[in-house]
Amino acid sequence: MERAYNFNAGPSALPLEVLNRAQGELLNFKGTGMSVMELSHRSKEYDQVHQQAISDLRALLRIPDDYQVLFLQGGASLQFSMIPMNFLTPGKTADYILTGSWSQKALDEANKLGKTNVIASSKDEKYNYIPEVNGDNHSADSAYVHITSNNTIYGTQWEKYPTYTDVPLIADMSSDILCRETNVEQFGMIYAGAQKNLGPSGVTVAIIKDSLLTQSNSNLPTMLDYHTHVKSNSLYNTPPTFSIYMLSLVLDWVKEQGGVPAIEAKNKEKAALLYTTIDESDGFYKAHAKVGSRSIMNVSYTLPSEDLTKKFLAQAKEKGFVGLNGHRSIGGCRASIYNAVPFESVEALASFMKTFKSEN
């Protein structure tokens, strides 16, 4: 079977090795005579999967002991509501930095639940850069500062996070978690939908510092209270067992690649190839993101005209490239080059881009 060049923004490419392993274990997981999807979430066989996934995530991200690792449902979108429900306490303000559509959606949910403040934004230039923010930039009564670490639509990414000493920094890392080394201790909370770098859709990872949990609101609906999931080790109700199993396989794969430092080096190599192809095209291709804010996960770019864009995408599809359409809000093209996208796929795309330019 010929595999597609998968540049989908999410759900996105999974490592071929992971898919092959899951296929081999699908009908009979570890001699149980059942698929992992059929196991009780209270069984010892599933418990090993669950605990190993938490352990591996802790090791790969070097998560300190005073942070909880949770497996939740509802995607990052539910976290947009859960975060202010839990941490936007009376008399406090939630600070948001706007760098794209997803940070705006997070702000919109917080606006329904309490007082908010936008402390920085790049909306003035169609989110083509990351605003400069320092650790003093927050409201006097700030409950937390929220950022989106990588912006899939606009192809921008924080290169250096602001350092706050007196206010928790909360980051939506759905589209770049595990893509590079991260100092978890810089954050009060990190959360991420799995469907980009962690596995298939269905599970959301939340990493929360104990000291932040002590500041949370009480009398929340049971499933919307982080304490519920901390106390039950994310097993209060039936978790998305197959998604967590797949996440555990992806974490195994990351370890086999050499861990996060090796993954980061490969990601930077892939991104550099595409950005060089764009920058050396004499303006035929133009990156949406400004230099200094460019994402190593999502490369958004435009061509000289709408007609050429349509022609480019049509020919790309014929050659097996999938997912290159830009988001409808900015148009153009977008190549999502998450961890599992092999360098060979990026090489093939760069080659096609050069050939298309020369012919048009």
Protein backbone atom coordinates (compact mmCIF):
# COMPACT_ATOMS: atom_id res chain seq x y z
CA MET A 1 0.00 0.00 0.00
CA GLU A 2 1.31 3.44 -0.94
CA ARG A 3 1.12 5.90 1.95
CA ALA A 4 0.02 9.49 1.37
CA TYR A 5 2.22 12.48 2.11
CA ASN A 6 0.10 13.50 5.11
CA PHE A 7 0.27 17.20 6.01
CA ASN A 8 -3.14 17.35 7.73
CA ALA A 9 -3.47 19.94 10.49
CA GLY A 10 -5.29 17.54 12.81
CA PRO A 11 -6.11 14.79 13.26
CA SER A 12 -2.71 14.38 11.73
CA ALA A 13 -0.02 11.88 10.82
CA LEU A 14 0.85 9.08 13.22
CA PRO A 15 4.17 7.22 13.12
CA LEU A 16 4.00 4.23 10.80
CA GLU A 17 5.73 2.11 13.44
CA VAL A 18 2.94 2.96 15.90
CA LEU A 19 0.21 2.06 13.43
CA ASN A 20 1.89 -1.25 12.63
CA ARG A 21 2.26 -2.12 16.32
CA ALA A 22 -1.37 -1.22 17.04
CA GLN A 23 -2.47 -3.34 14.09
CA GLY A 24 -0.50 -6.31 15.40
CA GLU A 25 -2.04 -6.01 18.88
CA LEU A 26 -5.55 -5.08 17.80
CA LEU A 27 -7.26 -8.45 18.20
CA ASN A 28 -5.26 -9.92 21.06
CA PHE A 29 -3.68 -7.45 23.46
CA LYS A 30 -0.95 -9.11 25.54
CA GLY A 31 -2.57 -12.52 25.46
CA THR A 32 -5.94 -11.39 26.80
CA GLY A 33 -7.84 -12.65 23.77
CA MET A 34 -9.37 -9.18 23.53
CA SER A 35 -8.60 -5.87 21.89
CA VAL A 36 -7.40 -3.12 24.20
CA MET A 37 -10.70 -1.43 23.24
CA GLU A 38 -12.57 -4.30 24.88
CA LEU A 39 -10.66 -4.38 28.17
CA SER A 40 -12.22 -3.11 31.36
CA HIS A 41 -10.64 0.19 32.37
CA ARG A 42 -10.34 -1.37 35.84
CA SER A 43 -8.36 -4.37 34.59
CA LYS A 44 -4.71 -4.86 35.44
CA GLU A 45 -3.84 -5.04 31.73
CA TYR A 46 -5.33 -1.62 31.01
CA ASP A 47 -3.96 -0.19 34.26
CA GLN A 48 -0.44 -1.00 33.07
CA VAL A 49 -1.10 0.96 29.87
CA HIS A 50 -2.51 3.90 31.81
CA GLN A 51 0.31 4.08 34.35
CA GLN A 52 3.03 3.61 31.71
CA ALA A 53 1.63 6.46 29.64
CA ILE A 54 1.75 8.78 32.65
CA SER A 55 5.26 7.62 33.58
CA ASP A 56 6.60 8.06 30.05
CA LEU A 57 5.08 11.51 29.69
CA ARG A 58 6.64 12.53 32.99
CA ALA A 59 10.04 11.26 31.87
CA LEU A 60 9.98 12.76 28.36
CA LEU A 61 8.85 16.20 29.54
CA ARG A 62 10.76 16.03 32.84
CA ILE A 63 7.58 16.82 34.77
CA PRO A 64 8.35 17.53 38.45
CA ASP A 65 6.65 15.56 41.22
CA ASP A 66 4.52 18.54 42.29
CA TYR A 67 2.57 18.42 39.02
CA GLN A 68 -0.41 16.21 38.27
CA VAL A 69 -0.76 14.46 34.88
CA LEU A 70 -4.38 14.00 33.82
CA PHE A 71 -6.09 12.29 30.88
CA LEU A 72 -9.33 14.15 30.13
CA GLN A 73 -12.00 14.24 27.46
CA GLY A 74 -13.67 17.06 25.54
CA GLY A 75 -10.57 18.22 23.69
CA ALA A 76 -8.68 21.44 24.36
CA SER A 77 -11.96 23.24 23.67
CA LEU A 78 -13.44 21.99 26.95
CA GLN A 79 -10.34 23.24 28.74
CA PHE A 80 -11.19 26.74 27.51
CA SER A 81 -14.14 26.55 29.94
CA MET A 82 -12.68 24.34 32.67
CA ILE A 83 -9.69 26.60 33.25
CA PRO A 84 -11.69 29.73 34.17
CA MET A 85 -14.29 27.63 36.00
CA ASN A 86 -11.56 26.25 38.24
CA PHE A 87 -9.04 29.09 38.48
CA LEU A 88 -10.84 32.39 37.79
CA THR A 89 -11.81 32.94 41.41
CA PRO A 90 -13.98 35.86 42.63
CA GLY A 91 -12.21 39.21 42.56
CA LYS A 92 -9.60 38.01 40.08
CA THR A 93 -8.95 38.75 36.39
CA ALA A 94 -7.91 36.20 33.76
CA ASP A 95 -5.25 37.57 31.41
CA TYR A 96 -5.08 36.38 27.81
CA ILE A 97 -2.53 36.90 25.06
CA LEU A 98 -4.15 36.69 21.63
CA THR A 99 -2.09 35.12 18.86
CA GLY A 100 -4.79 33.47 16.76
CA SER A 101 -8.21 31.87 16.53
CA TRP A 102 -7.69 29.33 19.32
CA SER A 103 -6.55 31.89 21.89
CA GLN A 104 -9.60 33.97 20.92
CA LYS A 105 -11.87 30.96 21.49
CA ALA A 106 -10.27 30.43 24.90
CA LEU A 107 -10.90 34.09 25.76
CA ASP A 108 -14.51 33.89 24.57
CA GLU A 109 -15.22 31.06 27.02
CA ALA A 110 -13.55 32.86 29.91
CA ASN A 111 -15.62 35.97 29.17
CA LYS A 112 -18.74 33.94 30.02
CA LEU A 113 -17.38 33.07 33.45
CA GLY A 114 -15.64 36.13 34.85
CA LYS A 115 -13.50 39.18 34.31
CA THR A 116 -10.84 39.00 31.60
CA ASN A 117 -8.15 41.23 30.16
CA VAL A 118 -6.21 41.06 26.88
CA ILE A 119 -2.67 42.02 27.82
CA ALA A 120 -1.16 41.59 24.32
CA SER A 121 -2.33 40.74 20.83
CA SER A 122 -1.07 40.36 17.26
CA LYS A 123 -4.53 40.66 15.71
CA ASP A 124 -3.53 44.03 14.22
CA GLU A 125 -1.38 42.22 11.62
CA LYS A 126 -3.53 39.12 11.06
CA TYR A 127 -1.66 37.23 13.75
CA ASN A 128 1.56 37.01 11.75
CA TYR A 129 3.81 37.52 14.77
CA ILE A 130 4.10 36.72 18.48
CA PRO A 131 3.89 39.88 20.62
CA GLU A 132 6.67 40.71 23.03
CA VAL A 133 5.61 40.14 26.62
CA ASN A 134 7.61 40.18 29.84
CA GLY A 135 6.90 38.78 33.26
CA ASP A 136 5.57 42.10 34.56
CA ASN A 137 2.84 42.30 31.93
CA HIS A 138 -0.32 41.16 33.72
CA SER A 139 -3.27 42.57 35.63
CA ALA A 140 -2.77 43.58 39.25
CA ASP A 141 -5.39 41.01 40.29
CA SER A 142 -4.40 38.37 37.74
CA ALA A 143 -5.56 34.80 38.37
CA TYR A 144 -3.43 33.48 35.52
CA VAL A 145 -1.96 34.37 32.13
CA HIS A 146 -3.10 32.20 29.21
CA ILE A 147 -1.20 31.67 25.96
CA THR A 148 -1.47 29.41 22.92
CA SER A 149 2.06 28.14 22.32
CA ASN A 150 1.66 27.39 18.60
CA ASN A 151 -0.89 28.75 16.16
CA THR A 152 -1.84 26.18 13.55
CA ILE A 153 -3.70 28.52 11.21
CA TYR A 154 -1.19 31.34 11.09
CA GLY A 155 2.03 29.38 11.38
CA THR A 156 3.38 31.25 14.40
CA GLN A 157 4.95 29.87 17.57
CA TRP A 158 6.39 31.23 20.78
CA GLU A 159 10.17 30.92 20.58
CA LYS A 160 10.65 32.11 24.16
CA TYR A 161 7.91 32.07 26.78
CA PRO A 162 7.38 34.96 29.20
CA THR A 163 8.58 34.16 32.70
CA TYR A 164 6.12 34.95 35.48
CA THR A 165 7.12 34.62 39.12
CA ASP A 166 3.91 35.72 40.83
CA VAL A 167 1.20 34.63 38.35
CA PRO A 168 0.60 31.13 36.91
CA LEU A 169 1.28 30.82 33.17
CA ILE A 170 -1.17 28.46 31.44
CA ALA A 171 -0.44 27.21 27.92
CA ASP A 172 -2.50 25.46 25.31
CA MET A 173 0.18 23.29 23.67
CA SER A 174 -2.19 21.17 21.58
CA SER A 175 -0.21 21.60 18.37
CA ASP A 176 3.39 21.59 19.59
CA ILE A 177 3.68 19.58 22.80
CA LEU A 178 6.71 17.24 22.60
CA CYS A 179 8.01 19.03 19.49
CA ARG A 180 10.88 20.60 21.45
CA GLU A 181 12.31 20.74 24.93
CA THR A 182 10.11 22.63 27.39
CA ASN A 183 10.73 23.77 30.95
CA VAL A 184 7.49 22.60 32.58
CA GLU A 185 8.35 24.47 35.78
CA GLN A 186 7.78 27.71 33.88
CA PHE A 187 4.06 26.90 33.77
CA GLY A 188 1.23 26.53 36.23
CA MET A 189 -0.56 24.37 33.69
CA ILE A 190 -0.02 22.87 30.23
CA TYR A 191 -2.80 21.20 28.28
CA ALA A 192 -3.00 19.59 24.86
CA GLY A 193 -5.44 17.74 22.69
CA ALA A 194 -3.70 14.58 21.52
CA GLN A 195 -4.49 14.65 17.82
CA LYS A 196 -1.34 16.37 16.61
CA ASN A 197 1.77 15.11 18.39
CA LEU A 198 0.46 12.71 21.04
CA GLY A 199 -1.85 10.30 19.25
CA PRO A 200 -5.38 10.13 17.86
CA SER A 201 -8.23 12.40 18.91
CA GLY A 202 -10.21 11.49 22.00
CA VAL A 203 -7.88 12.25 24.89
CA THR A 204 -6.60 15.55 26.26
CA VAL A 205 -3.52 15.77 28.47
CA ALA A 206 -3.46 18.27 31.34
CA ILE A 207 -0.35 18.90 33.43
CA ILE A 208 -1.21 21.01 36.50
CA LYS A 209 0.94 22.26 39.35
CA ASP A 210 -0.28 21.32 42.82
CA SER A 211 -0.06 24.90 44.06
CA LEU A 212 -2.44 26.03 41.31
CA LEU A 213 -4.91 23.30 42.22
CA THR A 214 -5.07 24.62 45.78
CA GLN A 215 -6.37 27.93 44.42
CA SER A 216 -9.31 26.45 42.51
CA ASN A 217 -12.99 27.22 42.97
CA SER A 218 -15.17 24.81 44.92
CA ASN A 219 -18.70 23.50 44.26
CA LEU A 220 -18.09 22.85 40.59
CA PRO A 221 -19.88 20.14 38.59
CA THR A 222 -18.09 16.89 39.34
CA MET A 223 -16.70 16.22 35.86
CA LEU A 224 -15.57 19.84 35.45
CA ASP A 225 -13.55 19.88 38.68
CA TYR A 226 -9.87 19.00 38.24
CA HIS A 227 -9.78 17.56 41.76
CA THR A 228 -12.16 14.81 40.64
CA HIS A 229 -9.67 13.59 38.08
CA VAL A 230 -6.65 14.02 40.35
CA LYS A 231 -8.24 11.92 43.11
CA SER A 232 -9.26 9.16 40.69
CA ASN A 233 -6.06 9.14 38.61
CA SER A 234 -8.19 10.08 35.56
CA LEU A 235 -10.38 7.02 36.12
CA TYR A 236 -13.47 8.62 37.66
CA ASN A 237 -15.50 7.45 34.68
CA THR A 238 -14.53 5.31 31.68
CA PRO A 239 -11.57 7.06 30.04
CA PRO A 240 -10.88 6.98 26.28
CA THR A 241 -8.88 3.78 26.69
CA PHE A 242 -7.92 3.23 23.06
CA SER A 243 -6.72 6.83 22.65
CA ILE A 244 -4.62 6.53 25.81
CA TYR A 245 -3.21 3.22 24.55
CA MET A 246 -2.26 4.89 21.25
CA LEU A 247 -0.74 7.80 23.16
CA SER A 248 1.39 5.30 25.09
CA LEU A 249 2.64 3.80 21.81
CA VAL A 250 3.51 7.26 20.47
CA LEU A 251 5.47 7.99 23.65
CA ASP A 252 7.35 4.70 23.16
CA TRP A 253 8.14 5.84 19.62
CA VAL A 254 9.45 9.20 20.85
CA LYS A 255 11.77 7.37 23.25
CA GLU A 256 13.00 5.17 20.39
CA GLN A 257 13.79 8.28 18.32
CA GLY A 258 16.09 9.53 21.07
CA GLY A 259 13.62 11.51 23.14
CA VAL A 260 12.50 15.11 22.80
CA PRO A 261 15.95 16.56 21.95
CA ALA A 262 16.24 14.26 18.92
CA ILE A 263 12.65 15.02 17.88
CA GLU A 264 13.36 18.75 18.16
CA ALA A 265 16.43 18.49 15.92
CA LYS A 266 14.41 16.64 13.24
CA ASN A 267 11.58 19.16 13.46
CA LYS A 268 13.92 22.09 13.01
CA GLU A 269 15.50 20.38 10.00
CA LYS A 270 12.10 19.83 8.38
CA ALA A 271 10.98 23.39 9.03
CA ALA A 272 14.25 24.88 7.79
CA LEU A 273 13.91 23.03 4.49
CA LEU A 274 10.42 24.40 3.84
CA TYR A 275 11.20 27.96 4.94
CA THR A 276 14.34 27.99 2.80
CA THR A 277 12.30 26.80 -0.18
CA ILE A 278 9.83 29.66 0.46
CA ASP A 279 12.43 32.36 1.12
CA GLU A 280 14.51 31.46 -1.93
CA SER A 281 11.54 31.48 -4.33
CA ASP A 282 11.96 35.18 -5.22
CA GLY A 283 8.56 35.99 -3.74
CA PHE A 284 6.64 33.25 -5.56
CA TYR A 285 5.91 31.72 -2.15
CA LYS A 286 5.47 33.97 0.88
CA ALA A 287 5.33 32.78 4.49
CA HIS A 288 2.50 34.24 6.55
CA ALA A 289 4.53 34.38 9.77
CA LYS A 290 7.26 36.93 10.34
CA VAL A 291 10.82 35.74 10.90
CA GLY A 292 11.29 35.26 14.63
CA SER A 293 7.76 33.97 15.11
CA ARG A 294 7.75 31.12 12.61
CA SER A 295 6.36 27.77 13.70
CA ILE A 296 8.29 24.54 13.28
CA MET A 297 4.97 22.68 13.27
CA ASN A 298 2.77 24.57 10.78
CA VAL A 299 4.17 26.35 7.73
CA SER A 300 1.53 28.69 6.26
CA TYR A 301 2.29 30.34 2.92
CA THR A 302 0.69 31.97 -0.11
CA LEU A 303 1.21 31.98 -3.87
CA PRO A 304 0.92 34.99 -6.23
CA SER A 305 -2.76 34.44 -7.08
CA GLU A 306 -5.85 32.44 -6.20
CA ASP A 307 -5.71 30.70 -9.59
CA LEU A 308 -2.13 29.54 -8.98
CA THR A 309 -3.07 28.40 -5.49
CA LYS A 310 -5.89 26.24 -6.87
CA LYS A 311 -3.57 24.83 -9.53
CA PHE A 312 -0.87 24.11 -6.94
CA LEU A 313 -3.29 22.27 -4.65
CA ALA A 314 -4.80 20.27 -7.52
CA GLN A 315 -1.42 19.10 -8.77
CA ALA A 316 -0.24 18.40 -5.23
CA LYS A 317 -3.26 16.17 -4.67
CA GLU A 318 -2.51 14.24 -7.85
CA LYS A 319 0.99 13.53 -6.54
CA GLY A 320 -0.22 12.21 -3.19
CA PHE A 321 0.06 15.29 -0.99
CA VAL A 322 -2.81 15.58 1.51
CA GLY A 323 -3.88 18.44 3.76
CA LEU A 324 -2.09 21.38 2.11
CA ASN A 325 -5.10 23.68 1.90
CA GLY A 326 -4.69 26.79 4.01
CA HIS A 327 -7.33 27.64 6.58
CA ARG A 328 -10.31 29.48 5.12
CA SER A 329 -9.58 32.54 7.30
CA ILE A 330 -6.28 33.34 5.56
CA GLY A 331 -6.33 31.13 2.45
CA GLY A 332 -3.18 30.00 0.70
CA CYS A 333 -1.49 26.77 1.73
CA ARG A 334 -0.35 25.14 4.94
CA ALA A 335 1.97 22.23 5.60
CA SER A 336 1.60 20.75 9.07
CA ILE A 337 4.86 18.97 9.82
CA TYR A 338 4.20 17.45 13.22
CA ASN A 339 6.56 14.98 14.90
CA ALA A 340 5.32 11.96 12.93
CA VAL A 341 5.69 13.56 9.50
CA PRO A 342 8.89 12.02 8.08
CA PHE A 343 11.66 14.15 6.62
CA GLU A 344 11.18 12.34 3.29
CA SER A 345 7.65 13.76 3.01
CA VAL A 346 8.95 17.27 3.58
CA GLU A 347 11.72 16.70 1.02
CA ALA A 348 9.12 15.57 -1.50
CA LEU A 349 7.01 18.67 -0.85
CA ALA A 350 9.98 21.03 -1.17
CA SER A 351 10.92 19.38 -4.46
CA PHE A 352 7.37 19.70 -5.76
CA MET A 353 7.25 23.38 -4.72
CA LYS A 354 10.45 24.12 -6.64
CA THR A 355 9.21 22.31 -9.72
CA PHE A 356 5.83 24.04 -9.62
CA LYS A 357 7.52 27.45 -9.35
CA SER A 358 9.81 26.75 -12.31
CA GLU A 359 6.84 25.72 -14.46
CA ASN A 360 4.62 28.63 -13.47
